[in-house]
Amino acid sequence: MNMKKIAILLFTLSVFSFSSCYYDKAELIYTQNVACDTTNIKYSTVVVPILNSNCNGCHGGNAAMGAGIILDNYASTKVYIDNKRLINSILQNGTASNMPKGGSKLDACTIRKINAWINQGALNN
């Protein structure tokens, strides 16, 4: 074999070897396609568990550490819904303190659920 044929053969083999082994996890790569049900979002069954697991460690109870912002009951939470501080904090859009403080931004589906509840009137249901 001449050098040109060897070079072509090596090139072809290297292309096949790099392109033939491909593996991914769809749920990690294609997260935008994951279903996020934002219908029938209720304060008691959807929003409260989100607040309890992400916010009320600092913003709940009598000894709230989060600058006096209380999010463990509807009346107090509604104040921060109405002045848009809650949604702006979790969106981390620069118009309010980024929350959760020192933690990762809430996932897109969780944010969409809270936003859907707000857009549906932020009812105490």
PDB file of N, CA and C in Angstrom:
ATOM      1  N   MET A   1       0.838  -1.186   0.000  1.00  0.00           N
ATOM      2  CA  MET A   1       0.000   0.000   0.000  1.00  0.00           C
ATOM      3  C   MET A   1       0.876   1.239   0.000  1.00  0.00           C
ATOM      4  N   ASN A   2       0.421   2.218  -0.735  1.00  0.00           N
ATOM      5  CA  ASN A   2       1.200   3.444  -0.733  1.00  0.00           C
ATOM      6  C   ASN A   2       0.762   4.352   0.428  1.00  0.00           C
ATOM      7  N   MET A   3       1.523   5.352   0.693  1.00  0.00           N
ATOM      8  CA  MET A   3       1.304   6.235   1.843  1.00  0.00           C
ATOM      9  C   MET A   3      -0.034   6.966   1.779  1.00  0.00           C
ATOM     10  N   LYS A   4      -0.470   7.312   0.588  1.00  0.00           N
ATOM     11  CA  LYS A   4      -1.738   8.036   0.449  1.00  0.00           C
ATOM     12  C   LYS A   4      -2.897   7.154   0.895  1.00  0.00           C
ATOM     13  N   LYS A   5      -2.882   5.879   0.494  1.00  0.00           N
ATOM     14  CA  LYS A   5      -3.948   4.954   0.878  1.00  0.00           C
ATOM     15  C   LYS A   5      -3.920   4.677   2.384  1.00  0.00           C
ATOM     16  N   ILE A   6      -2.746   4.574   2.944  1.00  0.00           N
ATOM     17  CA  ILE A   6      -2.621   4.350   4.390  1.00  0.00           C
ATOM     18  C   ILE A   6      -3.173   5.551   5.154  1.00  0.00           C
ATOM     19  N   ALA A   7      -2.838   6.738   4.694  1.00  0.00           N
ATOM     20  CA  ALA A   7      -3.329   7.948   5.346  1.00  0.00           C
ATOM     21  C   ALA A   7      -4.847   8.028   5.284  1.00  0.00           C
ATOM     22  N   ILE A   8      -5.427   7.699   4.139  1.00  0.00           N
ATOM     23  CA  ILE A   8      -6.887   7.710   3.984  1.00  0.00           C
ATOM     24  C   ILE A   8      -7.518   6.663   4.891  1.00  0.00           C
ATOM     25  N   LEU A   9      -6.930   5.490   4.952  1.00  0.00           N
ATOM     26  CA  LEU A   9      -7.435   4.419   5.797  1.00  0.00           C
ATOM     27  C   LEU A   9      -7.382   4.820   7.275  1.00  0.00           C
ATOM     28  N   LEU A  10      -6.277   5.386   7.722  1.00  0.00           N
ATOM     29  CA  LEU A  10      -6.153   5.832   9.112  1.00  0.00           C
ATOM     30  C   LEU A  10      -7.145   6.948   9.434  1.00  0.00           C
ATOM     31  N   PHE A  11      -7.303   7.862   8.522  1.00  0.00           N
ATOM     32  CA  PHE A  11      -8.264   8.941   8.716  1.00  0.00           C
ATOM     33  C   PHE A  11      -9.679   8.379   8.842  1.00  0.00           C
ATOM     34  N   THR A  12     -10.050   7.467   7.961  1.00  0.00           N
ATOM     35  CA  THR A  12     -11.378   6.863   7.981  1.00  0.00           C
ATOM     36  C   THR A  12     -11.610   6.101   9.281  1.00  0.00           C
ATOM     37  N   LEU A  13     -10.630   5.336   9.707  1.00  0.00           N
ATOM     38  CA  LEU A  13     -10.753   4.588  10.965  1.00  0.00           C
ATOM     39  C   LEU A  13     -10.893   5.521  12.162  1.00  0.00           C
ATOM     40  N   SER A  14     -10.143   6.606  12.160  1.00  0.00           N
ATOM     41  CA  SER A  14     -10.237   7.538  13.290  1.00  0.00           C
ATOM     42  C   SER A  14     -11.597   8.241  13.323  1.00  0.00           C
ATOM     43  N   VAL A  15     -12.134   8.580  12.162  1.00  0.00           N
ATOM     44  CA  VAL A  15     -13.462   9.197  12.111  1.00  0.00           C
ATOM     45  C   VAL A  15     -14.503   8.235  12.671  1.00  0.00           C
ATOM     46  N   PHE A  16     -14.462   6.988  12.243  1.00  0.00           N
ATOM     47  CA  PHE A  16     -15.416   5.993  12.729  1.00  0.00           C
ATOM     48  C   PHE A  16     -15.232   5.710  14.220  1.00  0.00           C
ATOM     49  N   SER A  17     -14.022   5.683  14.684  1.00  0.00           N
ATOM     50  CA  SER A  17     -13.802   5.371  16.097  1.00  0.00           C
ATOM     51  C   SER A  17     -14.303   6.489  17.000  1.00  0.00           C
ATOM     52  N   PHE A  18     -14.197   7.745  16.563  1.00  0.00           N
ATOM     53  CA  PHE A  18     -14.680   8.844  17.382  1.00  0.00           C
ATOM     54  C   PHE A  18     -16.185   9.031  17.274  1.00  0.00           C
ATOM     55  N   SER A  19     -16.770   8.668  16.173  1.00  0.00           N
ATOM     56  CA  SER A  19     -18.204   8.894  15.996  1.00  0.00           C
ATOM     57  C   SER A  19     -19.057   7.687  16.356  1.00  0.00           C
ATOM     58  N   SER A  20     -18.479   6.521  16.479  1.00  0.00           N
ATOM     59  CA  SER A  20     -19.282   5.333  16.720  1.00  0.00           C
ATOM     60  C   SER A  20     -19.642   5.148  18.185  1.00  0.00           C
ATOM     61  N   CYS A  21     -18.896   5.719  19.101  1.00  0.00           N
ATOM     62  CA  CYS A  21     -19.162   5.542  20.522  1.00  0.00           C
ATOM     63  C   CYS A  21     -19.781   6.817  21.077  1.00  0.00           C
ATOM     64  N   TYR A  22     -21.078   6.851  21.099  1.00  0.00           N
ATOM     65  CA  TYR A  22     -21.773   8.021  21.598  1.00  0.00           C
ATOM     66  C   TYR A  22     -22.822   7.562  22.581  1.00  0.00           C
ATOM     67  N   TYR A  23     -22.815   8.135  23.758  1.00  0.00           N
ATOM     68  CA  TYR A  23     -23.756   7.756  24.799  1.00  0.00           C
ATOM     69  C   TYR A  23     -24.153   9.014  25.543  1.00  0.00           C
ATOM     70  N   ASP A  24     -25.423   9.179  25.772  1.00  0.00           N
ATOM     71  CA  ASP A  24     -25.882  10.282  26.600  1.00  0.00           C
ATOM     72  C   ASP A  24     -27.099   9.845  27.388  1.00  0.00           C
ATOM     73  N   LYS A  25     -27.422  10.639  28.351  1.00  0.00           N
ATOM     74  CA  LYS A  25     -28.626  10.421  29.148  1.00  0.00           C
ATOM     75  C   LYS A  25     -29.594  11.519  28.755  1.00  0.00           C
ATOM     76  N   ALA A  26     -30.665  11.142  28.112  1.00  0.00           N
ATOM     77  CA  ALA A  26     -31.613  12.118  27.576  1.00  0.00           C
ATOM     78  C   ALA A  26     -32.135  13.050  28.651  1.00  0.00           C
ATOM     79  N   GLU A  27     -32.394  12.525  29.855  1.00  0.00           N
ATOM     80  CA  GLU A  27     -32.961  13.385  30.893  1.00  0.00           C
ATOM     81  C   GLU A  27     -31.983  14.455  31.353  1.00  0.00           C
ATOM     82  N   LEU A  28     -30.686  14.245  31.137  1.00  0.00           N
ATOM     83  CA  LEU A  28     -29.700  15.265  31.480  1.00  0.00           C
ATOM     84  C   LEU A  28     -29.446  16.233  30.333  1.00  0.00           C
ATOM     85  N   ILE A  29     -29.478  15.736  29.119  1.00  0.00           N
ATOM     86  CA  ILE A  29     -29.183  16.544  27.946  1.00  0.00           C
ATOM     87  C   ILE A  29     -30.400  17.336  27.480  1.00  0.00           C
ATOM     88  N   TYR A  30     -31.548  16.700  27.472  1.00  0.00           N
ATOM     89  CA  TYR A  30     -32.748  17.291  26.889  1.00  0.00           C
ATOM     90  C   TYR A  30     -33.755  17.679  27.966  1.00  0.00           C
ATOM     91  N   THR A  31     -33.322  18.432  28.971  1.00  0.00           N
ATOM     92  CA  THR A  31     -34.184  18.769  30.100  1.00  0.00           C
ATOM     93  C   THR A  31     -35.359  19.648  29.703  1.00  0.00           C
ATOM     94  N   GLN A  32     -35.239  20.409  28.637  1.00  0.00           N
ATOM     95  CA  GLN A  32     -36.340  21.268  28.242  1.00  0.00           C
ATOM     96  C   GLN A  32     -37.544  20.460  27.773  1.00  0.00           C
ATOM     97  N   ASN A  33     -37.353  19.185  27.429  1.00  0.00           N
ATOM     98  CA  ASN A  33     -38.454  18.352  26.974  1.00  0.00           C
ATOM     99  C   ASN A  33     -39.154  17.609  28.105  1.00  0.00           C
ATOM    100  N   VAL A  34     -38.635  17.719  29.316  1.00  0.00           N
ATOM    101  CA  VAL A  34     -39.236  17.051  30.457  1.00  0.00           C
ATOM    102  C   VAL A  34     -40.555  17.757  30.779  1.00  0.00           C
ATOM    103  N   ALA A  35     -41.586  16.965  30.978  1.00  0.00           N
ATOM    104  CA  ALA A  35     -42.915  17.519  31.240  1.00  0.00           C
ATOM    105  C   ALA A  35     -42.930  18.266  32.571  1.00  0.00           C
ATOM    106  N   CYS A  36     -43.581  19.384  32.579  1.00  0.00           N
ATOM    107  CA  CYS A  36     -43.758  20.179  33.792  1.00  0.00           C
ATOM    108  C   CYS A  36     -45.224  20.595  33.837  1.00  0.00           C
ATOM    109  N   ASP A  37     -45.982  19.928  34.665  1.00  0.00           N
ATOM    110  CA  ASP A  37     -47.415  20.180  34.757  1.00  0.00           C
ATOM    111  C   ASP A  37     -47.676  21.428  35.592  1.00  0.00           C
ATOM    112  N   THR A  38     -48.136  22.479  34.948  1.00  0.00           N
ATOM    113  CA  THR A  38     -48.441  23.718  35.650  1.00  0.00           C
ATOM    114  C   THR A  38     -49.943  23.988  35.687  1.00  0.00           C
ATOM    115  N   THR A  39     -50.721  22.941  35.460  1.00  0.00           N
ATOM    116  CA  THR A  39     -52.171  23.088  35.562  1.00  0.00           C
ATOM    117  C   THR A  39     -52.607  22.770  36.984  1.00  0.00           C
ATOM    118  N   ASN A  40     -53.640  23.431  37.408  1.00  0.00           N
ATOM    119  CA  ASN A  40     -54.247  23.157  38.712  1.00  0.00           C
ATOM    120  C   ASN A  40     -53.241  23.284  39.863  1.00  0.00           C
ATOM    121  N   ILE A  41     -52.432  24.330  39.849  1.00  0.00           N
ATOM    122  CA  ILE A  41     -51.460  24.571  40.913  1.00  0.00           C
ATOM    123  C   ILE A  41     -52.200  25.177  42.103  1.00  0.00           C
ATOM    124  N   LYS A  42     -52.099  24.516  43.230  1.00  0.00           N
ATOM    125  CA  LYS A  42     -52.753  24.990  44.453  1.00  0.00           C
ATOM    126  C   LYS A  42     -51.697  25.374  45.479  1.00  0.00           C
ATOM    127  N   TYR A  43     -52.042  26.378  46.257  1.00  0.00           N
ATOM    128  CA  TYR A  43     -51.145  26.844  47.311  1.00  0.00           C
ATOM    129  C   TYR A  43     -50.825  25.715  48.284  1.00  0.00           C
ATOM    130  N   SER A  44     -51.853  25.026  48.772  1.00  0.00           N
ATOM    131  CA  SER A  44     -51.654  24.034  49.832  1.00  0.00           C
ATOM    132  C   SER A  44     -50.903  22.791  49.382  1.00  0.00           C
ATOM    133  N   THR A  45     -51.103  22.366  48.152  1.00  0.00           N
ATOM    134  CA  THR A  45     -50.512  21.096  47.716  1.00  0.00           C
ATOM    135  C   THR A  45     -49.237  21.242  46.892  1.00  0.00           C
ATOM    136  N   VAL A  46     -49.016  22.400  46.291  1.00  0.00           N
ATOM    137  CA  VAL A  46     -47.831  22.589  45.438  1.00  0.00           C
ATOM    138  C   VAL A  46     -46.907  23.671  45.996  1.00  0.00           C
ATOM    139  N   VAL A  47     -47.441  24.849  46.263  1.00  0.00           N
ATOM    140  CA  VAL A  47     -46.610  25.984  46.663  1.00  0.00           C
ATOM    141  C   VAL A  47     -46.045  25.796  48.070  1.00  0.00           C
ATOM    142  N   VAL A  48     -46.874  25.386  49.026  1.00  0.00           N
ATOM    143  CA  VAL A  48     -46.391  25.212  50.400  1.00  0.00           C
ATOM    144  C   VAL A  48     -45.231  24.213  50.472  1.00  0.00           C
ATOM    145  N   PRO A  49     -45.327  23.029  49.830  1.00  0.00           N
ATOM    146  CA  PRO A  49     -44.162  22.132  49.875  1.00  0.00           C
ATOM    147  C   PRO A  49     -42.894  22.732  49.251  1.00  0.00           C
ATOM    148  N   ILE A  50     -43.053  23.523  48.197  1.00  0.00           N
ATOM    149  CA  ILE A  50     -41.882  24.181  47.589  1.00  0.00           C
ATOM    150  C   ILE A  50     -41.281  25.172  48.577  1.00  0.00           C
ATOM    151  N   LEU A  51     -42.130  25.986  49.199  1.00  0.00           N
ATOM    152  CA  LEU A  51     -41.634  26.968  50.170  1.00  0.00           C
ATOM    153  C   LEU A  51     -41.001  26.271  51.373  1.00  0.00           C
ATOM    154  N   ASN A  52     -41.630  25.207  51.851  1.00  0.00           N
ATOM    155  CA  ASN A  52     -41.087  24.490  53.006  1.00  0.00           C
ATOM    156  C   ASN A  52     -39.719  23.891  52.722  1.00  0.00           C
ATOM    157  N   SER A  53     -39.537  23.340  51.548  1.00  0.00           N
ATOM    158  CA  SER A  53     -38.262  22.685  51.263  1.00  0.00           C
ATOM    159  C   SER A  53     -37.171  23.646  50.788  1.00  0.00           C
ATOM    160  N   ASN A  54     -37.534  24.825  50.301  1.00  0.00           N
ATOM    161  CA  ASN A  54     -36.539  25.733  49.736  1.00  0.00           C
ATOM    162  C   ASN A  54     -36.400  27.074  50.447  1.00  0.00           C
ATOM    163  N   CYS A  55     -37.410  27.476  51.212  1.00  0.00           N
ATOM    164  CA  CYS A  55     -37.418  28.838  51.754  1.00  0.00           C
ATOM    165  C   CYS A  55     -37.545  28.911  53.275  1.00  0.00           C
ATOM    166  N   ASN A  56     -38.371  28.038  53.828  1.00  0.00           N
ATOM    167  CA  ASN A  56     -38.763  28.221  55.222  1.00  0.00           C
ATOM    168  C   ASN A  56     -37.731  27.783  56.248  1.00  0.00           C
ATOM    169  N   GLY A  57     -36.601  27.271  55.794  1.00  0.00           N
ATOM    170  CA  GLY A  57     -35.502  27.063  56.727  1.00  0.00           C
ATOM    171  C   GLY A  57     -35.008  28.391  57.276  1.00  0.00           C
ATOM    172  N   CYS A  58     -35.089  29.426  56.459  1.00  0.00           N
ATOM    173  CA  CYS A  58     -34.691  30.780  56.874  1.00  0.00           C
ATOM    174  C   CYS A  58     -35.884  31.720  57.001  1.00  0.00           C
ATOM    175  N   HIS A  59     -36.938  31.475  56.246  1.00  0.00           N
ATOM    176  CA  HIS A  59     -38.074  32.400  56.200  1.00  0.00           C
ATOM    177  C   HIS A  59     -39.333  31.811  56.834  1.00  0.00           C
ATOM    178  N   GLY A  60     -39.164  30.985  57.832  1.00  0.00           N
ATOM    179  CA  GLY A  60     -40.319  30.388  58.486  1.00  0.00           C
ATOM    180  C   GLY A  60     -40.185  30.407  59.989  1.00  0.00           C
ATOM    181  N   GLY A  61     -41.309  30.300  60.667  1.00  0.00           N
ATOM    182  CA  GLY A  61     -41.314  30.222  62.125  1.00  0.00           C
ATOM    183  C   GLY A  61     -41.119  31.564  62.788  1.00  0.00           C
ATOM    184  N   ASN A  62     -41.127  31.520  64.110  1.00  0.00           N
ATOM    185  CA  ASN A  62     -41.025  32.746  64.916  1.00  0.00           C
ATOM    186  C   ASN A  62     -39.648  33.393  64.822  1.00  0.00           C
ATOM    187  N   ALA A  63     -38.635  32.583  64.599  1.00  0.00           N
ATOM    188  CA  ALA A  63     -37.268  33.107  64.578  1.00  0.00           C
ATOM    189  C   ALA A  63     -36.729  33.139  63.152  1.00  0.00           C
ATOM    190  N   ALA A  64     -37.506  33.681  62.243  1.00  0.00           N
ATOM    191  CA  ALA A  64     -37.068  33.726  60.842  1.00  0.00           C
ATOM    192  C   ALA A  64     -35.785  34.529  60.727  1.00  0.00           C
ATOM    193  N   MET A  65     -34.787  33.924  60.102  1.00  0.00           N
ATOM    194  CA  MET A  65     -33.477  34.563  59.960  1.00  0.00           C
ATOM    195  C   MET A  65     -33.402  35.436  58.716  1.00  0.00           C
ATOM    196  N   GLY A  66     -34.331  35.306  57.798  1.00  0.00           N
ATOM    197  CA  GLY A  66     -34.244  35.953  56.502  1.00  0.00           C
ATOM    198  C   GLY A  66     -34.775  37.370  56.471  1.00  0.00           C
ATOM    199  N   ALA A  67     -34.126  38.274  57.161  1.00  0.00           N
ATOM    200  CA  ALA A  67     -34.456  39.701  57.128  1.00  0.00           C
ATOM    201  C   ALA A  67     -35.905  39.973  57.501  1.00  0.00           C
ATOM    202  N   GLY A  68     -36.470  39.127  58.360  1.00  0.00           N
ATOM    203  CA  GLY A  68     -37.844  39.314  58.792  1.00  0.00           C
ATOM    204  C   GLY A  68     -38.887  38.917  57.764  1.00  0.00           C
ATOM    205  N   ILE A  69     -38.462  38.344  56.658  1.00  0.00           N
ATOM    206  CA  ILE A  69     -39.396  37.910  55.615  1.00  0.00           C
ATOM    207  C   ILE A  69     -39.920  36.532  56.000  1.00  0.00           C
ATOM    208  N   ILE A  70     -41.233  36.449  56.204  1.00  0.00           N
ATOM    209  CA  ILE A  70     -41.875  35.207  56.630  1.00  0.00           C
ATOM    210  C   ILE A  70     -42.658  34.648  55.439  1.00  0.00           C
ATOM    211  N   LEU A  71     -42.408  33.375  55.151  1.00  0.00           N
ATOM    212  CA  LEU A  71     -43.085  32.724  54.031  1.00  0.00           C
ATOM    213  C   LEU A  71     -43.776  31.431  54.453  1.00  0.00           C
ATOM    214  N   ASP A  72     -44.036  31.269  55.754  1.00  0.00           N
ATOM    215  CA  ASP A  72     -44.631  30.020  56.215  1.00  0.00           C
ATOM    216  C   ASP A  72     -46.138  30.082  56.405  1.00  0.00           C
ATOM    217  N   ASN A  73     -46.757  31.159  55.949  1.00  0.00           N
ATOM    218  CA  ASN A  73     -48.221  31.241  55.968  1.00  0.00           C
ATOM    219  C   ASN A  73     -48.673  32.073  54.774  1.00  0.00           C
ATOM    220  N   TYR A  74     -49.914  31.891  54.387  1.00  0.00           N
ATOM    221  CA  TYR A  74     -50.424  32.531  53.174  1.00  0.00           C
ATOM    222  C   TYR A  74     -50.379  34.056  53.258  1.00  0.00           C
ATOM    223  N   ALA A  75     -50.861  34.618  54.365  1.00  0.00           N
ATOM    224  CA  ALA A  75     -50.952  36.082  54.468  1.00  0.00           C
ATOM    225  C   ALA A  75     -49.593  36.745  54.299  1.00  0.00           C
ATOM    226  N   SER A  76     -48.581  36.197  54.945  1.00  0.00           N
ATOM    227  CA  SER A  76     -47.237  36.778  54.818  1.00  0.00           C
ATOM    228  C   SER A  76     -46.663  36.561  53.425  1.00  0.00           C
ATOM    229  N   THR A  77     -46.866  35.364  52.875  1.00  0.00           N
ATOM    230  CA  THR A  77     -46.365  35.062  51.538  1.00  0.00           C
ATOM    231  C   THR A  77     -47.005  35.975  50.508  1.00  0.00           C
ATOM    232  N   LYS A  78     -48.299  36.247  50.659  1.00  0.00           N
ATOM    233  CA  LYS A  78     -49.041  37.072  49.689  1.00  0.00           C
ATOM    234  C   LYS A  78     -48.431  38.467  49.573  1.00  0.00           C
ATOM    235  N   VAL A  79     -47.907  38.999  50.660  1.00  0.00           N
ATOM    236  CA  VAL A  79     -47.253  40.313  50.622  1.00  0.00           C
ATOM    237  C   VAL A  79     -46.109  40.301  49.612  1.00  0.00           C
ATOM    238  N   TYR A  80     -45.310  39.237  49.620  1.00  0.00           N
ATOM    239  CA  TYR A  80     -44.146  39.147  48.741  1.00  0.00           C
ATOM    240  C   TYR A  80     -44.514  38.697  47.334  1.00  0.00           C
ATOM    241  N   ILE A  81     -45.710  38.172  47.188  1.00  0.00           N
ATOM    242  CA  ILE A  81     -46.249  37.903  45.848  1.00  0.00           C
ATOM    243  C   ILE A  81     -46.676  39.230  45.234  1.00  0.00           C
ATOM    244  N   ASP A  82     -47.433  40.004  46.014  1.00  0.00           N
ATOM    245  CA  ASP A  82     -47.964  41.271  45.507  1.00  0.00           C
ATOM    246  C   ASP A  82     -46.874  42.278  45.159  1.00  0.00           C
ATOM    247  N   ASN A  83     -45.803  42.320  45.951  1.00  0.00           N
ATOM    248  CA  ASN A  83     -44.738  43.283  45.630  1.00  0.00           C
ATOM    249  C   ASN A  83     -43.676  42.683  44.696  1.00  0.00           C
ATOM    250  N   LYS A  84     -43.913  41.455  44.249  1.00  0.00           N
ATOM    251  CA  LYS A  84     -43.094  40.749  43.255  1.00  0.00           C
ATOM    252  C   LYS A  84     -41.693  40.367  43.742  1.00  0.00           C
ATOM    253  N   ARG A  85     -41.418  40.527  45.026  1.00  0.00           N
ATOM    254  CA  ARG A  85     -40.093  40.172  45.537  1.00  0.00           C
ATOM    255  C   ARG A  85     -39.863  38.662  45.515  1.00  0.00           C
ATOM    256  N   LEU A  86     -40.907  37.871  45.792  1.00  0.00           N
ATOM    257  CA  LEU A  86     -40.717  36.421  45.804  1.00  0.00           C
ATOM    258  C   LEU A  86     -40.332  35.912  44.423  1.00  0.00           C
ATOM    259  N   ILE A  87     -41.100  36.253  43.415  1.00  0.00           N
ATOM    260  CA  ILE A  87     -40.812  35.743  42.069  1.00  0.00           C
ATOM    261  C   ILE A  87     -39.484  36.295  41.549  1.00  0.00           C
ATOM    262  N   ASN A  88     -39.199  37.560  41.822  1.00  0.00           N
ATOM    263  CA  ASN A  88     -37.928  38.138  41.365  1.00  0.00           C
ATOM    264  C   ASN A  88     -36.734  37.505  42.076  1.00  0.00           C
ATOM    265  N   SER A  89     -36.907  37.135  43.339  1.00  0.00           N
ATOM    266  CA  SER A  89     -35.829  36.478  44.079  1.00  0.00           C
ATOM    267  C   SER A  89     -35.532  35.100  43.513  1.00  0.00           C
ATOM    268  N   ILE A  90     -36.598  34.328  43.211  1.00  0.00           N
ATOM    269  CA  ILE A  90     -36.336  32.978  42.707  1.00  0.00           C
ATOM    270  C   ILE A  90     -35.943  32.977  41.238  1.00  0.00           C
ATOM    271  N   LEU A  91     -36.355  34.014  40.496  1.00  0.00           N
ATOM    272  CA  LEU A  91     -35.894  34.143  39.108  1.00  0.00           C
ATOM    273  C   LEU A  91     -34.433  34.587  39.047  1.00  0.00           C
ATOM    274  N   GLN A  92     -33.971  35.187  40.129  1.00  0.00           N
ATOM    275  CA  GLN A  92     -32.610  35.717  40.212  1.00  0.00           C
ATOM    276  C   GLN A  92     -32.330  36.670  39.054  1.00  0.00           C
ATOM    277  N   ASN A  93     -33.244  37.622  38.888  1.00  0.00           N
ATOM    278  CA  ASN A  93     -33.157  38.546  37.758  1.00  0.00           C
ATOM    279  C   ASN A  93     -32.517  39.889  38.113  1.00  0.00           C
ATOM    280  N   GLY A  94     -31.994  40.015  39.329  1.00  0.00           N
ATOM    281  CA  GLY A  94     -31.286  41.224  39.713  1.00  0.00           C
ATOM    282  C   GLY A  94     -32.150  42.306  40.321  1.00  0.00           C
ATOM    283  N   THR A  95     -33.461  42.104  40.430  1.00  0.00           N
ATOM    284  CA  THR A  95     -34.323  43.127  41.014  1.00  0.00           C
ATOM    285  C   THR A  95     -34.660  42.855  42.470  1.00  0.00           C
ATOM    286  N   ALA A  96     -34.211  41.721  43.001  1.00  0.00           N
ATOM    287  CA  ALA A  96     -34.372  41.367  44.412  1.00  0.00           C
ATOM    288  C   ALA A  96     -33.226  40.428  44.762  1.00  0.00           C
ATOM    289  N   SER A  97     -33.028  40.190  46.049  1.00  0.00           N
ATOM    290  CA  SER A  97     -31.960  39.278  46.477  1.00  0.00           C
ATOM    291  C   SER A  97     -32.179  37.890  45.897  1.00  0.00           C
ATOM    292  N   ASN A  98     -31.116  37.315  45.358  1.00  0.00           N
ATOM    293  CA  ASN A  98     -31.201  35.973  44.795  1.00  0.00           C
ATOM    294  C   ASN A  98     -31.487  34.952  45.885  1.00  0.00           C
ATOM    295  N   MET A  99     -32.460  34.110  45.642  1.00  0.00           N
ATOM    296  CA  MET A  99     -32.831  33.067  46.587  1.00  0.00           C
ATOM    297  C   MET A  99     -32.958  31.749  45.854  1.00  0.00           C
ATOM    298  N   PRO A 100     -32.699  30.666  46.533  1.00  0.00           N
ATOM    299  CA  PRO A 100     -32.296  30.576  47.938  1.00  0.00           C
ATOM    300  C   PRO A 100     -30.858  31.055  48.138  1.00  0.00           C
ATOM    301  N   LYS A 101     -30.665  31.800  49.215  1.00  0.00           N
ATOM    302  CA  LYS A 101     -29.367  32.391  49.537  1.00  0.00           C
ATOM    303  C   LYS A 101     -28.323  31.285  49.711  1.00  0.00           C
ATOM    304  N   GLY A 102     -27.238  31.389  48.984  1.00  0.00           N
ATOM    305  CA  GLY A 102     -26.159  30.425  49.095  1.00  0.00           C
ATOM    306  C   GLY A 102     -26.469  29.078  48.460  1.00  0.00           C
ATOM    307  N   GLY A 103     -27.628  28.957  47.813  1.00  0.00           N
ATOM    308  CA  GLY A 103     -28.000  27.695  47.190  1.00  0.00           C
ATOM    309  C   GLY A 103     -28.163  27.852  45.696  1.00  0.00           C
ATOM    310  N   SER A 104     -28.420  26.753  45.058  1.00  0.00           N
ATOM    311  CA  SER A 104     -28.639  26.767  43.617  1.00  0.00           C
ATOM    312  C   SER A 104     -30.000  27.361  43.295  1.00  0.00           C
ATOM    313  N   LYS A 105     -30.089  27.951  42.135  1.00  0.00           N
ATOM    314  CA  LYS A 105     -31.357  28.467  41.645  1.00  0.00           C
ATOM    315  C   LYS A 105     -32.351  27.307  41.546  1.00  0.00           C
ATOM    316  N   LEU A 106     -33.593  27.566  41.879  1.00  0.00           N
ATOM    317  CA  LEU A 106     -34.619  26.528  41.758  1.00  0.00           C
ATOM    318  C   LEU A 106     -34.703  26.065  40.314  1.00  0.00           C
ATOM    319  N   ASP A 107     -35.057  24.810  40.125  1.00  0.00           N
ATOM    320  CA  ASP A 107     -35.147  24.291  38.762  1.00  0.00           C
ATOM    321  C   ASP A 107     -36.283  24.986  38.010  1.00  0.00           C
ATOM    322  N   ALA A 108     -36.201  24.952  36.705  1.00  0.00           N
ATOM    323  CA  ALA A 108     -37.140  25.683  35.841  1.00  0.00           C
ATOM    324  C   ALA A 108     -38.584  25.264  36.069  1.00  0.00           C
ATOM    325  N   CYS A 109     -38.827  23.984  36.282  1.00  0.00           N
ATOM    326  CA  CYS A 109     -40.196  23.513  36.488  1.00  0.00           C
ATOM    327  C   CYS A 109     -40.773  24.087  37.780  1.00  0.00           C
ATOM    328  N   THR A 110     -39.999  24.094  38.845  1.00  0.00           N
ATOM    329  CA  THR A 110     -40.461  24.646  40.122  1.00  0.00           C
ATOM    330  C   THR A 110     -40.796  26.122  39.972  1.00  0.00           C
ATOM    331  N   ILE A 111     -39.952  26.852  39.279  1.00  0.00           N
ATOM    332  CA  ILE A 111     -40.211  28.280  39.051  1.00  0.00           C
ATOM    333  C   ILE A 111     -41.472  28.457  38.214  1.00  0.00           C
ATOM    334  N   ARG A 112     -41.650  27.624  37.186  1.00  0.00           N
ATOM    335  CA  ARG A 112     -42.865  27.714  36.358  1.00  0.00           C
ATOM    336  C   ARG A 112     -44.117  27.429  37.181  1.00  0.00           C
ATOM    337  N   LYS A 113     -44.035  26.501  38.121  1.00  0.00           N
ATOM    338  CA  LYS A 113     -45.190  26.187  38.978  1.00  0.00           C
ATOM    339  C   LYS A 113     -45.561  27.376  39.853  1.00  0.00           C
ATOM    340  N   ILE A 114     -44.567  27.994  40.474  1.00  0.00           N
ATOM    341  CA  ILE A 114     -44.846  29.168  41.305  1.00  0.00           C
ATOM    342  C   ILE A 114     -45.392  30.300  40.452  1.00  0.00           C
ATOM    343  N   ASN A 115     -44.802  30.513  39.296  1.00  0.00           N
ATOM    344  CA  ASN A 115     -45.266  31.567  38.395  1.00  0.00           C
ATOM    345  C   ASN A 115     -46.691  31.292  37.914  1.00  0.00           C
ATOM    346  N   ALA A 116     -47.006  30.032  37.632  1.00  0.00           N
ATOM    347  CA  ALA A 116     -48.366  29.677  37.210  1.00  0.00           C
ATOM    348  C   ALA A 116     -49.363  29.970  38.329  1.00  0.00           C
ATOM    349  N   TRP A 117     -49.015  29.621  39.551  1.00  0.00           N
ATOM    350  CA  TRP A 117     -49.888  29.910  40.695  1.00  0.00           C
ATOM    351  C   TRP A 117     -50.115  31.417  40.835  1.00  0.00           C
ATOM    352  N   ILE A 118     -49.065  32.190  40.695  1.00  0.00           N
ATOM    353  CA  ILE A 118     -49.187  33.653  40.767  1.00  0.00           C
ATOM    354  C   ILE A 118     -50.090  34.153  39.643  1.00  0.00           C
ATOM    355  N   ASN A 119     -49.854  33.684  38.422  1.00  0.00           N
ATOM    356  CA  ASN A 119     -50.646  34.127  37.276  1.00  0.00           C
ATOM    357  C   ASN A 119     -52.104  33.692  37.357  1.00  0.00           C
ATOM    358  N   GLN A 120     -52.378  32.640  38.121  1.00  0.00           N
ATOM    359  CA  GLN A 120     -53.755  32.178  38.331  1.00  0.00           C
ATOM    360  C   GLN A 120     -54.417  32.917  39.495  1.00  0.00           C
ATOM    361  N   GLY A 121     -53.783  33.945  40.005  1.00  0.00           N
ATOM    362  CA  GLY A 121     -54.362  34.773  41.055  1.00  0.00           C
ATOM    363  C   GLY A 121     -53.789  34.559  42.430  1.00  0.00           C
ATOM    364  N   ALA A 122     -52.791  33.688  42.570  1.00  0.00           N
ATOM    365  CA  ALA A 122     -52.144  33.408  43.868  1.00  0.00           C
ATOM    366  C   ALA A 122     -53.186  33.168  44.958  1.00  0.00           C
ATOM    367  N   LEU A 123     -54.103  32.258  44.674  1.00  0.00           N
ATOM    368  CA  LEU A 123     -55.207  31.967  45.606  1.00  0.00           C
ATOM    369  C   LEU A 123     -54.753  31.175  46.809  1.00  0.00           C
ATOM    370  N   ASN A 124     -55.449  31.342  47.914  1.00  0.00           N
ATOM    371  CA  ASN A 124     -55.223  30.574  49.132  1.00  0.00           C
ATOM    372  C   ASN A 124     -56.079  29.317  49.064  1.00  0.00           C
ATOM    373  N   ASN A 125     -55.664  28.396  48.221  1.00  0.00           N
ATOM    374  CA  ASN A 125     -56.455  27.177  48.001  1.00  0.00           C
ATOM    375  C   ASN A 125     -55.681  25.939  48.368  1.00  0.00           C
TER     376      ASN A 125
END
